[in-house]
Amino acid sequence: MEKPLKTEVRTLQVTGPAVRLDKYLAEKYPDLSRSVLQRLIKEGFILVNDSTAKASQKLSPGDNIYVELPPPEKVSLVPETIPINVIYEDDDLLVLCKPAGLVVHPSPGHTAHTLVNALLARCPDLASFGDTMRPGIVHRLDRDTSGLMIVAKNSRAQQYLMNQFKVRSVTKGYLALVKGKLTPGEGIIDAPLGRDPSNRKRMAVVTAGRQARTRFKVKEYLDGYTLLDITTKTGRTHQIRVHLSAIGYPVVGDAEYGVRSPYLKRQFLHAYRLGFRLIDGQYREFSCELPPDLKGFLASLSRTGH
């Protein structure tokens, strides 16, 4: 009988001269590409002395490297006819409004019925460039977060868009409903994020985490809730949800970090605004209105003033 694949966990100790983390790992794991290793580092599967790290971090003799390699999955991307709401498209990219419940790309436990499968049915050429499991993807939204996303249609556009995210020139606006009356009316949450030491599937505010800043402004107070307009410069995993939970105002409907609601099947978080430069250099902003489930929940609440 064939044994089931398991997660590989190793602890390595640096014994040689100072070297970059990604270069050290490339020597230890020659079968893994540099981009895969960098993604594992970014997503917190690789720690240095029990702290999150960057690919460029210099290692010193005696450093302990914790490596968690998810089991490989045999996944072949197949185009699927899944409806997607495209609000802008040209020869280089498209902008869409992702529905809640749709996973962006294949991952352990979600090997099909993703946004990537839908995109391949619409744009077959996506399979010819980039990451084989994430063709055209330059950023992502959580499965149960709805809203705007950009998708590149060729390698030139993908690099151009990724550079904008890297230098944080992309404008990202979200609407979030939190439990309680959040005061003051606006502010910035500046707290580093990393893997939760007690549960590595969750993110948390940790001293050794990566910088994360979330700016919020109250749009409206509604019957024990606060509707927020949020902008982010950094794009850490689960950033908005973790930050709002950390200051005591959890996102409504968020079963992981927030507060459950009998009236919502997912978190009240929607990426409603997205601005960036097209390939010709022109800056454009796009918007996507609240979907029916969130709009209906808001309508059921009474206004209590500002």
C-alpha atoms as a PDB file:
ATOM      1  CA  MET A   1       0.000   0.000   0.000  1.00  0.00           C
ATOM      2  CA  GLU A   2       1.287   3.453  -0.903  1.00  0.00           C
ATOM      3  CA  LYS A   3       2.002   5.649   2.109  1.00  0.00           C
ATOM      4  CA  PRO A   4       0.120   8.972   2.295  1.00  0.00           C
ATOM      5  CA  LEU A   5       2.174  12.092   1.714  1.00  0.00           C
ATOM      6  CA  LYS A   6       3.119  13.940   4.875  1.00  0.00           C
ATOM      7  CA  THR A   7       4.365  17.397   5.733  1.00  0.00           C
ATOM      8  CA  GLU A   8       8.149  17.400   5.998  1.00  0.00           C
ATOM      9  CA  VAL A   9       9.518  19.231   9.033  1.00  0.00           C
ATOM     10  CA  ARG A  10      13.241  19.754   9.614  1.00  0.00           C
ATOM     11  CA  THR A  11      15.415  21.916  11.826  1.00  0.00           C
ATOM     12  CA  LEU A  12      18.758  22.891  10.320  1.00  0.00           C
ATOM     13  CA  GLN A  13      21.674  24.540  12.073  1.00  0.00           C
ATOM     14  CA  VAL A  14      23.993  26.836  10.153  1.00  0.00           C
ATOM     15  CA  THR A  15      27.627  25.799  10.482  1.00  0.00           C
ATOM     16  CA  GLY A  16      29.314  27.555   7.571  1.00  0.00           C
ATOM     17  CA  PRO A  17      30.065  31.224   6.835  1.00  0.00           C
ATOM     18  CA  ALA A  18      27.432  33.965   6.617  1.00  0.00           C
ATOM     19  CA  VAL A  19      25.082  33.498   3.649  1.00  0.00           C
ATOM     20  CA  ARG A  20      21.634  34.631   2.493  1.00  0.00           C
ATOM     21  CA  LEU A  21      18.733  32.508   3.702  1.00  0.00           C
ATOM     22  CA  ASP A  22      17.393  31.758   0.210  1.00  0.00           C
ATOM     23  CA  LYS A  23      20.839  30.759  -1.046  1.00  0.00           C
ATOM     24  CA  TYR A  24      21.386  28.493   1.979  1.00  0.00           C
ATOM     25  CA  LEU A  25      18.040  26.767   1.382  1.00  0.00           C
ATOM     26  CA  ALA A  26      18.685  26.414  -2.350  1.00  0.00           C
ATOM     27  CA  GLU A  27      21.771  24.347  -1.493  1.00  0.00           C
ATOM     28  CA  LYS A  28      19.844  22.219   1.010  1.00  0.00           C
ATOM     29  CA  TYR A  29      16.834  21.728  -1.288  1.00  0.00           C
ATOM     30  CA  PRO A  30      18.168  21.590  -4.873  1.00  0.00           C
ATOM     31  CA  ASP A  31      14.878  20.143  -6.154  1.00  0.00           C
ATOM     32  CA  LEU A  32      12.938  23.268  -5.156  1.00  0.00           C
ATOM     33  CA  SER A  33      13.072  26.411  -7.286  1.00  0.00           C
ATOM     34  CA  ARG A  34      14.200  29.708  -5.778  1.00  0.00           C
ATOM     35  CA  SER A  35      10.692  31.162  -6.279  1.00  0.00           C
ATOM     36  CA  VAL A  36       9.104  28.278  -4.331  1.00  0.00           C
ATOM     37  CA  LEU A  37      11.553  28.733  -1.463  1.00  0.00           C
ATOM     38  CA  GLN A  38      10.960  32.480  -1.389  1.00  0.00           C
ATOM     39  CA  ARG A  39       7.207  31.901  -1.248  1.00  0.00           C
ATOM     40  CA  LEU A  40       7.585  29.467   1.663  1.00  0.00           C
ATOM     41  CA  ILE A  41       9.695  32.055   3.505  1.00  0.00           C
ATOM     42  CA  LYS A  42       7.158  34.805   2.807  1.00  0.00           C
ATOM     43  CA  GLU A  43       4.236  32.659   3.982  1.00  0.00           C
ATOM     44  CA  GLY A  44       5.965  31.760   7.251  1.00  0.00           C
ATOM     45  CA  PHE A  45       6.760  28.107   6.618  1.00  0.00           C
ATOM     46  CA  ILE A  46      10.455  28.818   7.196  1.00  0.00           C
ATOM     47  CA  LEU A  47      11.639  30.480  10.398  1.00  0.00           C
ATOM     48  CA  VAL A  48      15.046  31.647  11.590  1.00  0.00           C
ATOM     49  CA  ASN A  49      15.558  31.248  15.336  1.00  0.00           C
ATOM     50  CA  ASP A  50      11.756  30.872  15.730  1.00  0.00           C
ATOM     51  CA  SER A  51      11.083  34.212  13.994  1.00  0.00           C
ATOM     52  CA  THR A  52       9.755  35.066  10.546  1.00  0.00           C
ATOM     53  CA  ALA A  53      12.445  36.067   8.084  1.00  0.00           C
ATOM     54  CA  LYS A  54      13.121  37.499   4.657  1.00  0.00           C
ATOM     55  CA  ALA A  55      14.761  35.666   1.773  1.00  0.00           C
ATOM     56  CA  SER A  56      17.624  38.180   1.857  1.00  0.00           C
ATOM     57  CA  GLN A  57      18.323  37.724   5.583  1.00  0.00           C
ATOM     58  CA  LYS A  58      21.976  36.961   6.343  1.00  0.00           C
ATOM     59  CA  LEU A  59      22.523  33.807   8.375  1.00  0.00           C
ATOM     60  CA  SER A  60      25.257  33.372  10.947  1.00  0.00           C
ATOM     61  CA  PRO A  61      26.897  30.224  12.339  1.00  0.00           C
ATOM     62  CA  GLY A  62      24.672  28.728  15.033  1.00  0.00           C
ATOM     63  CA  ASP A  63      21.385  30.015  13.565  1.00  0.00           C
ATOM     64  CA  ASN A  64      18.567  27.459  13.655  1.00  0.00           C
ATOM     65  CA  ILE A  65      16.357  27.185  10.558  1.00  0.00           C
ATOM     66  CA  TYR A  66      12.883  25.666  10.970  1.00  0.00           C
ATOM     67  CA  VAL A  67      11.595  24.305   7.654  1.00  0.00           C
ATOM     68  CA  GLU A  68       8.055  23.058   7.066  1.00  0.00           C
ATOM     69  CA  LEU A  69       7.456  21.725   3.561  1.00  0.00           C
ATOM     70  CA  PRO A  70       3.796  21.065   2.708  1.00  0.00           C
ATOM     71  CA  PRO A  71       3.329  17.726   0.942  1.00  0.00           C
ATOM     72  CA  PRO A  72       3.374  17.954  -2.834  1.00  0.00           C
ATOM     73  CA  GLU A  73       0.089  17.429  -4.594  1.00  0.00           C
ATOM     74  CA  LYS A  74      -0.446  16.124  -8.081  1.00  0.00           C
ATOM     75  CA  VAL A  75      -2.465  18.952  -9.556  1.00  0.00           C
ATOM     76  CA  SER A  76      -3.141  19.600 -13.207  1.00  0.00           C
ATOM     77  CA  LEU A  77      -4.887  22.860 -13.971  1.00  0.00           C
ATOM     78  CA  VAL A  78      -7.975  22.368 -16.100  1.00  0.00           C
ATOM     79  CA  PRO A  79     -10.017  25.226 -17.594  1.00  0.00           C
ATOM     80  CA  GLU A  80     -13.473  25.408 -16.004  1.00  0.00           C
ATOM     81  CA  THR A  81     -16.485  27.426 -17.089  1.00  0.00           C
ATOM     82  CA  ILE A  82     -17.035  29.404 -13.901  1.00  0.00           C
ATOM     83  CA  PRO A  83     -18.761  32.798 -14.239  1.00  0.00           C
ATOM     84  CA  ILE A  84     -16.503  35.761 -13.412  1.00  0.00           C
ATOM     85  CA  ASN A  85     -17.465  39.416 -13.359  1.00  0.00           C
ATOM     86  CA  VAL A  86     -14.869  41.200 -15.526  1.00  0.00           C
ATOM     87  CA  ILE A  87     -15.247  44.984 -15.314  1.00  0.00           C
ATOM     88  CA  TYR A  88     -12.242  45.972 -17.459  1.00  0.00           C
ATOM     89  CA  GLU A  89     -10.042  44.150 -19.976  1.00  0.00           C
ATOM     90  CA  ASP A  90      -7.374  45.022 -22.523  1.00  0.00           C
ATOM     91  CA  ASP A  91      -4.604  43.095 -24.293  1.00  0.00           C
ATOM     92  CA  ASP A  92      -2.413  43.002 -21.180  1.00  0.00           C
ATOM     93  CA  LEU A  93      -4.644  42.605 -18.144  1.00  0.00           C
ATOM     94  CA  LEU A  94      -8.127  42.346 -16.782  1.00  0.00           C
ATOM     95  CA  VAL A  95      -9.858  43.618 -13.643  1.00  0.00           C
ATOM     96  CA  LEU A  96     -12.561  41.480 -12.075  1.00  0.00           C
ATOM     97  CA  CYS A  97     -14.792  41.460  -9.025  1.00  0.00           C
ATOM     98  CA  LYS A  98     -14.210  38.143  -7.240  1.00  0.00           C
ATOM     99  CA  PRO A  99     -17.202  36.637  -5.438  1.00  0.00           C
ATOM    100  CA  ALA A 100     -16.929  35.358  -1.877  1.00  0.00           C
ATOM    101  CA  GLY A 101     -16.340  31.607  -1.639  1.00  0.00           C
ATOM    102  CA  LEU A 102     -14.038  31.407  -4.657  1.00  0.00           C
ATOM    103  CA  VAL A 103     -10.433  30.401  -3.938  1.00  0.00           C
ATOM    104  CA  VAL A 104      -7.942  32.349  -6.067  1.00  0.00           C
ATOM    105  CA  HIS A 105      -5.535  29.546  -6.977  1.00  0.00           C
ATOM    106  CA  PRO A 106      -5.042  25.824  -6.270  1.00  0.00           C
ATOM    107  CA  SER A 107      -3.675  24.956  -2.845  1.00  0.00           C
ATOM    108  CA  PRO A 108      -3.759  21.975  -0.485  1.00  0.00           C
ATOM    109  CA  GLY A 109      -7.419  21.110  -0.082  1.00  0.00           C
ATOM    110  CA  HIS A 110      -8.506  23.243  -3.055  1.00  0.00           C
ATOM    111  CA  THR A 111      -7.147  21.656  -6.214  1.00  0.00           C
ATOM    112  CA  ALA A 112      -9.960  22.682  -8.568  1.00  0.00           C
ATOM    113  CA  HIS A 113     -12.890  25.112  -8.985  1.00  0.00           C
ATOM    114  CA  THR A 114     -10.643  28.130  -8.374  1.00  0.00           C
ATOM    115  CA  LEU A 115     -10.420  31.541 -10.003  1.00  0.00           C
ATOM    116  CA  VAL A 116      -7.378  30.328 -11.954  1.00  0.00           C
ATOM    117  CA  ASN A 117      -9.461  27.496 -13.465  1.00  0.00           C
ATOM    118  CA  ALA A 118     -12.059  30.061 -14.534  1.00  0.00           C
ATOM    119  CA  LEU A 119      -9.404  32.383 -15.987  1.00  0.00           C
ATOM    120  CA  LEU A 120      -7.863  29.589 -18.054  1.00  0.00           C
ATOM    121  CA  ALA A 121     -11.233  29.001 -19.697  1.00  0.00           C
ATOM    122  CA  ARG A 122     -11.447  32.690 -20.611  1.00  0.00           C
ATOM    123  CA  CYS A 123      -7.746  33.313 -21.398  1.00  0.00           C
ATOM    124  CA  PRO A 124      -6.031  30.033 -22.451  1.00  0.00           C
ATOM    125  CA  ASP A 125      -2.715  31.852 -23.030  1.00  0.00           C
ATOM    126  CA  LEU A 126      -2.308  32.283 -19.264  1.00  0.00           C
ATOM    127  CA  ALA A 127      -0.911  28.761 -19.106  1.00  0.00           C
ATOM    128  CA  SER A 128       2.096  29.814 -21.194  1.00  0.00           C
ATOM    129  CA  PHE A 129       3.864  31.997 -18.596  1.00  0.00           C
ATOM    130  CA  GLY A 130       4.504  32.529 -14.895  1.00  0.00           C
ATOM    131  CA  ASP A 131       3.915  30.162 -11.993  1.00  0.00           C
ATOM    132  CA  THR A 132       2.264  26.974 -13.242  1.00  0.00           C
ATOM    133  CA  MET A 133      -0.214  26.994 -10.342  1.00  0.00           C
ATOM    134  CA  ARG A 134      -0.804  30.774 -10.289  1.00  0.00           C
ATOM    135  CA  PRO A 135      -0.706  31.942 -13.919  1.00  0.00           C
ATOM    136  CA  GLY A 136      -1.455  35.649 -14.218  1.00  0.00           C
ATOM    137  CA  ILE A 137      -1.961  36.142 -10.485  1.00  0.00           C
ATOM    138  CA  VAL A 138      -0.186  39.203  -9.076  1.00  0.00           C
ATOM    139  CA  HIS A 139      -2.071  39.495  -5.767  1.00  0.00           C
ATOM    140  CA  ARG A 140      -4.853  37.643  -4.002  1.00  0.00           C
ATOM    141  CA  LEU A 141      -7.915  37.906  -1.801  1.00  0.00           C
ATOM    142  CA  ASP A 142      -8.963  35.416   0.865  1.00  0.00           C
ATOM    143  CA  ARG A 143     -11.572  32.879  -0.232  1.00  0.00           C
ATOM    144  CA  ASP A 144     -14.389  34.570   1.694  1.00  0.00           C
ATOM    145  CA  THR A 145     -13.358  38.144   0.853  1.00  0.00           C
ATOM    146  CA  SER A 146     -15.099  39.571  -2.198  1.00  0.00           C
ATOM    147  CA  GLY A 147     -13.927  42.359  -4.439  1.00  0.00           C
ATOM    148  CA  LEU A 148     -11.502  43.678  -7.013  1.00  0.00           C
ATOM    149  CA  MET A 149      -8.504  41.834  -8.391  1.00  0.00           C
ATOM    150  CA  ILE A 150      -6.071  42.454 -11.262  1.00  0.00           C
ATOM    151  CA  VAL A 151      -4.916  39.577 -13.475  1.00  0.00           C
ATOM    152  CA  ALA A 152      -2.006  39.807 -15.931  1.00  0.00           C
ATOM    153  CA  LYS A 153      -2.444  38.286 -19.392  1.00  0.00           C
ATOM    154  CA  ASN A 154       1.238  38.117 -20.365  1.00  0.00           C
ATOM    155  CA  SER A 155       4.640  38.014 -18.667  1.00  0.00           C
ATOM    156  CA  ARG A 156       5.439  41.666 -19.393  1.00  0.00           C
ATOM    157  CA  ALA A 157       2.232  42.829 -17.749  1.00  0.00           C
ATOM    158  CA  GLN A 158       2.725  40.474 -14.824  1.00  0.00           C
ATOM    159  CA  GLN A 159       6.157  41.900 -14.013  1.00  0.00           C
ATOM    160  CA  TYR A 160       4.911  45.480 -14.477  1.00  0.00           C
ATOM    161  CA  LEU A 161       1.994  44.925 -12.093  1.00  0.00           C
ATOM    162  CA  MET A 162       4.057  43.021  -9.531  1.00  0.00           C
ATOM    163  CA  ASN A 163       6.521  45.910  -9.420  1.00  0.00           C
ATOM    164  CA  GLN A 164       3.667  48.302  -8.563  1.00  0.00           C
ATOM    165  CA  PHE A 165       2.649  46.106  -5.654  1.00  0.00           C
ATOM    166  CA  LYS A 166       6.276  45.811  -4.570  1.00  0.00           C
ATOM    167  CA  VAL A 167       6.781  49.583  -4.348  1.00  0.00           C
ATOM    168  CA  ARG A 168       3.308  49.963  -2.782  1.00  0.00           C
ATOM    169  CA  SER A 169       1.938  52.318  -5.416  1.00  0.00           C
ATOM    170  CA  VAL A 170      -1.325  50.397  -5.807  1.00  0.00           C
ATOM    171  CA  THR A 171      -4.368  51.966  -4.112  1.00  0.00           C
ATOM    172  CA  LYS A 172      -6.442  49.390  -2.224  1.00  0.00           C
ATOM    173  CA  GLY A 173      -9.706  50.254  -0.515  1.00  0.00           C
ATOM    174  CA  TYR A 174     -11.899  47.906   1.538  1.00  0.00           C
ATOM    175  CA  LEU A 175     -15.220  48.081   3.351  1.00  0.00           C
ATOM    176  CA  ALA A 176     -15.381  46.176   6.633  1.00  0.00           C
ATOM    177  CA  LEU A 177     -18.073  45.898   9.284  1.00  0.00           C
ATOM    178  CA  VAL A 178     -16.818  45.396  12.815  1.00  0.00           C
ATOM    179  CA  LYS A 179     -18.563  44.629  16.094  1.00  0.00           C
ATOM    180  CA  GLY A 180     -18.798  47.594  18.475  1.00  0.00           C
ATOM    181  CA  LYS A 181     -18.538  51.366  18.150  1.00  0.00           C
ATOM    182  CA  LEU A 182     -14.983  52.070  17.042  1.00  0.00           C
ATOM    183  CA  THR A 183     -13.560  55.383  18.210  1.00  0.00           C
ATOM    184  CA  PRO A 184     -11.791  57.603  17.309  1.00  0.00           C
ATOM    185  CA  GLY A 185     -13.278  58.054  13.855  1.00  0.00           C
ATOM    186  CA  GLU A 186     -10.009  57.352  12.047  1.00  0.00           C
ATOM    187  CA  GLY A 187      -6.554  56.024  12.738  1.00  0.00           C
ATOM    188  CA  ILE A 188      -3.706  53.701  11.751  1.00  0.00           C
ATOM    189  CA  ILE A 189      -2.994  50.242  13.110  1.00  0.00           C
ATOM    190  CA  ASP A 190       0.754  49.682  12.887  1.00  0.00           C
ATOM    191  CA  ALA A 191       1.620  46.221  14.191  1.00  0.00           C
ATOM    192  CA  PRO A 192       3.900  43.494  12.765  1.00  0.00           C
ATOM    193  CA  LEU A 193       2.271  40.268  11.589  1.00  0.00           C
ATOM    194  CA  GLY A 194       3.561  36.719  11.397  1.00  0.00           C
ATOM    195  CA  ARG A 195       2.532  33.115  11.959  1.00  0.00           C
ATOM    196  CA  ASP A 196       0.797  32.534  15.282  1.00  0.00           C
ATOM    197  CA  PRO A 197       3.339  30.579  17.411  1.00  0.00           C
ATOM    198  CA  SER A 198       0.523  28.532  18.958  1.00  0.00           C
ATOM    199  CA  ASN A 199      -1.262  27.779  15.664  1.00  0.00           C
ATOM    200  CA  ARG A 200       0.738  28.081  12.456  1.00  0.00           C
ATOM    201  CA  LYS A 201      -2.396  28.070  10.302  1.00  0.00           C
ATOM    202  CA  ARG A 202      -3.333  31.455  11.778  1.00  0.00           C
ATOM    203  CA  MET A 203      -1.661  34.842  11.613  1.00  0.00           C
ATOM    204  CA  ALA A 204      -1.110  37.069  14.645  1.00  0.00           C
ATOM    205  CA  VAL A 205       0.521  40.273  15.839  1.00  0.00           C
ATOM    206  CA  VAL A 206       4.040  39.126  16.752  1.00  0.00           C
ATOM    207  CA  THR A 207       7.069  41.179  17.699  1.00  0.00           C
ATOM    208  CA  ALA A 208       9.309  39.527  15.119  1.00  0.00           C
ATOM    209  CA  GLY A 209       6.702  39.700  12.347  1.00  0.00           C
ATOM    210  CA  ARG A 210       6.711  41.725   9.133  1.00  0.00           C
ATOM    211  CA  GLN A 211       5.693  45.369   9.087  1.00  0.00           C
ATOM    212  CA  ALA A 212       1.976  45.900   8.479  1.00  0.00           C
ATOM    213  CA  ARG A 213      -0.052  49.134   8.432  1.00  0.00           C
ATOM    214  CA  THR A 214      -3.814  49.425   8.183  1.00  0.00           C
ATOM    215  CA  ARG A 215      -5.519  52.816   7.937  1.00  0.00           C
ATOM    216  CA  PHE A 216      -9.216  53.026   8.855  1.00  0.00           C
ATOM    217  CA  LYS A 217     -11.925  55.684   8.755  1.00  0.00           C
ATOM    218  CA  VAL A 218     -15.444  55.337  10.122  1.00  0.00           C
ATOM    219  CA  LYS A 219     -18.133  55.581   7.453  1.00  0.00           C
ATOM    220  CA  GLU A 220     -21.124  54.912   9.650  1.00  0.00           C
ATOM    221  CA  TYR A 221     -22.270  53.644  13.048  1.00  0.00           C
ATOM    222  CA  LEU A 222     -25.053  51.068  12.838  1.00  0.00           C
ATOM    223  CA  ASP A 223     -26.833  49.486  15.787  1.00  0.00           C
ATOM    224  CA  GLY A 224     -23.789  48.180  17.675  1.00  0.00           C
ATOM    225  CA  TYR A 225     -21.576  47.906  14.619  1.00  0.00           C
ATOM    226  CA  THR A 226     -19.168  50.196  12.761  1.00  0.00           C
ATOM    227  CA  LEU A 227     -18.758  50.329   8.991  1.00  0.00           C
ATOM    228  CA  LEU A 228     -15.155  51.143   8.088  1.00  0.00           C
ATOM    229  CA  ASP A 229     -13.403  52.392   4.973  1.00  0.00           C
ATOM    230  CA  ILE A 230      -9.951  50.805   5.045  1.00  0.00           C
ATOM    231  CA  THR A 231      -6.809  51.357   3.009  1.00  0.00           C
ATOM    232  CA  THR A 232      -3.636  49.305   3.172  1.00  0.00           C
ATOM    233  CA  LYS A 233      -0.131  49.817   1.852  1.00  0.00           C
ATOM    234  CA  THR A 234       1.237  46.474   2.977  1.00  0.00           C
ATOM    235  CA  GLY A 235      -0.572  43.314   1.902  1.00  0.00           C
ATOM    236  CA  ARG A 236       0.125  40.745   4.597  1.00  0.00           C
ATOM    237  CA  THR A 237      -1.878  37.543   4.887  1.00  0.00           C
ATOM    238  CA  HIS A 238      -5.190  38.206   6.709  1.00  0.00           C
ATOM    239  CA  GLN A 239      -3.860  41.687   7.601  1.00  0.00           C
ATOM    240  CA  ILE A 240      -7.131  43.586   8.011  1.00  0.00           C
ATOM    241  CA  ARG A 241      -8.875  40.784   9.890  1.00  0.00           C
ATOM    242  CA  VAL A 242      -5.998  40.266  12.332  1.00  0.00           C
ATOM    243  CA  HIS A 243      -5.372  43.980  12.918  1.00  0.00           C
ATOM    244  CA  LEU A 244      -9.012  44.780  13.665  1.00  0.00           C
ATOM    245  CA  SER A 245      -9.297  41.776  15.971  1.00  0.00           C
ATOM    246  CA  ALA A 246      -6.112  42.867  17.775  1.00  0.00           C
ATOM    247  CA  ILE A 247      -7.592  46.279  18.700  1.00  0.00           C
ATOM    248  CA  GLY A 248     -10.822  44.712  19.955  1.00  0.00           C
ATOM    249  CA  TYR A 249     -13.109  45.360  16.971  1.00  0.00           C
ATOM    250  CA  PRO A 250     -13.374  42.041  15.109  1.00  0.00           C
ATOM    251  CA  VAL A 251     -14.810  41.718  11.635  1.00  0.00           C
ATOM    252  CA  VAL A 252     -18.411  40.502  11.649  1.00  0.00           C
ATOM    253  CA  GLY A 253     -18.867  37.010  10.238  1.00  0.00           C
ATOM    254  CA  ASP A 254     -15.166  36.127  10.489  1.00  0.00           C
ATOM    255  CA  ALA A 255     -15.062  32.670  12.057  1.00  0.00           C
ATOM    256  CA  GLU A 256     -11.257  32.679  12.290  1.00  0.00           C
ATOM    257  CA  TYR A 257     -10.388  36.015  13.900  1.00  0.00           C
ATOM    258  CA  GLY A 258     -13.678  37.827  14.333  1.00  0.00           C
ATOM    259  CA  VAL A 259     -17.198  37.215  15.586  1.00  0.00           C
ATOM    260  CA  ARG A 260     -19.675  34.811  14.018  1.00  0.00           C
ATOM    261  CA  SER A 261     -23.044  36.044  12.814  1.00  0.00           C
ATOM    262  CA  PRO A 262     -26.198  33.976  12.253  1.00  0.00           C
ATOM    263  CA  TYR A 263     -27.032  36.276   9.343  1.00  0.00           C
ATOM    264  CA  LEU A 264     -23.731  36.132   7.429  1.00  0.00           C
ATOM    265  CA  LYS A 265     -22.027  33.042   6.062  1.00  0.00           C
ATOM    266  CA  ARG A 266     -18.666  34.802   5.645  1.00  0.00           C
ATOM    267  CA  GLN A 267     -16.691  37.816   6.857  1.00  0.00           C
ATOM    268  CA  PHE A 268     -17.956  41.287   6.047  1.00  0.00           C
ATOM    269  CA  LEU A 269     -14.904  42.359   4.066  1.00  0.00           C
ATOM    270  CA  HIS A 270     -15.047  43.652   0.511  1.00  0.00           C
ATOM    271  CA  ALA A 271     -12.302  45.119  -1.711  1.00  0.00           C
ATOM    272  CA  TYR A 272     -14.352  47.894  -3.285  1.00  0.00           C
ATOM    273  CA  ARG A 273     -11.633  50.162  -4.740  1.00  0.00           C
ATOM    274  CA  LEU A 274      -8.439  49.449  -6.682  1.00  0.00           C
ATOM    275  CA  GLY A 275      -6.151  51.934  -8.430  1.00  0.00           C
ATOM    276  CA  PHE A 276      -2.988  51.271 -10.440  1.00  0.00           C
ATOM    277  CA  ARG A 277      -1.203  52.157 -13.672  1.00  0.00           C
ATOM    278  CA  LEU A 278      -2.072  50.397 -16.894  1.00  0.00           C
ATOM    279  CA  ILE A 279       0.753  49.253 -19.154  1.00  0.00           C
ATOM    280  CA  ASP A 280       0.692  52.603 -21.006  1.00  0.00           C
ATOM    281  CA  GLY A 281       1.363  54.400 -17.709  1.00  0.00           C
ATOM    282  CA  GLN A 282      -2.159  55.780 -17.284  1.00  0.00           C
ATOM    283  CA  TYR A 283      -3.435  55.665 -13.694  1.00  0.00           C
ATOM    284  CA  ARG A 284      -6.929  54.178 -13.395  1.00  0.00           C
ATOM    285  CA  GLU A 285      -9.189  53.483 -10.450  1.00  0.00           C
ATOM    286  CA  PHE A 286     -11.918  50.861 -10.461  1.00  0.00           C
ATOM    287  CA  SER A 287     -14.753  50.216  -8.040  1.00  0.00           C
ATOM    288  CA  CYS A 288     -17.018  47.285  -7.229  1.00  0.00           C
ATOM    289  CA  GLU A 289     -20.203  47.742  -5.199  1.00  0.00           C
ATOM    290  CA  LEU A 290     -21.117  45.632  -2.185  1.00  0.00           C
ATOM    291  CA  PRO A 291     -22.513  42.212  -3.139  1.00  0.00           C
ATOM    292  CA  PRO A 292     -26.116  41.366  -2.186  1.00  0.00           C
ATOM    293  CA  ASP A 293     -25.323  39.417   1.005  1.00  0.00           C
ATOM    294  CA  LEU A 294     -23.372  42.292   2.571  1.00  0.00           C
ATOM    295  CA  LYS A 295     -25.709  44.972   1.244  1.00  0.00           C
ATOM    296  CA  GLY A 296     -28.717  43.109   2.653  1.00  0.00           C
ATOM    297  CA  PHE A 297     -27.124  42.745   6.078  1.00  0.00           C
ATOM    298  CA  LEU A 298     -26.365  46.473   6.211  1.00  0.00           C
ATOM    299  CA  ALA A 299     -29.930  47.294   5.250  1.00  0.00           C
ATOM    300  CA  SER A 300     -31.214  45.280   8.223  1.00  0.00           C
ATOM    301  CA  LEU A 301     -29.302  47.464  10.702  1.00  0.00           C
ATOM    302  CA  SER A 302     -30.565  50.741  12.072  1.00  0.00           C
ATOM    303  CA  ARG A 303     -28.487  53.905  11.697  1.00  0.00           C
ATOM    304  CA  THR A 304     -27.302  55.438  14.972  1.00  0.00           C
ATOM    305  CA  GLY A 305     -25.542  58.549  13.631  1.00  0.00           C
ATOM    306  CA  HIS A 306     -21.890  59.562  13.436  1.00  0.00           C
END
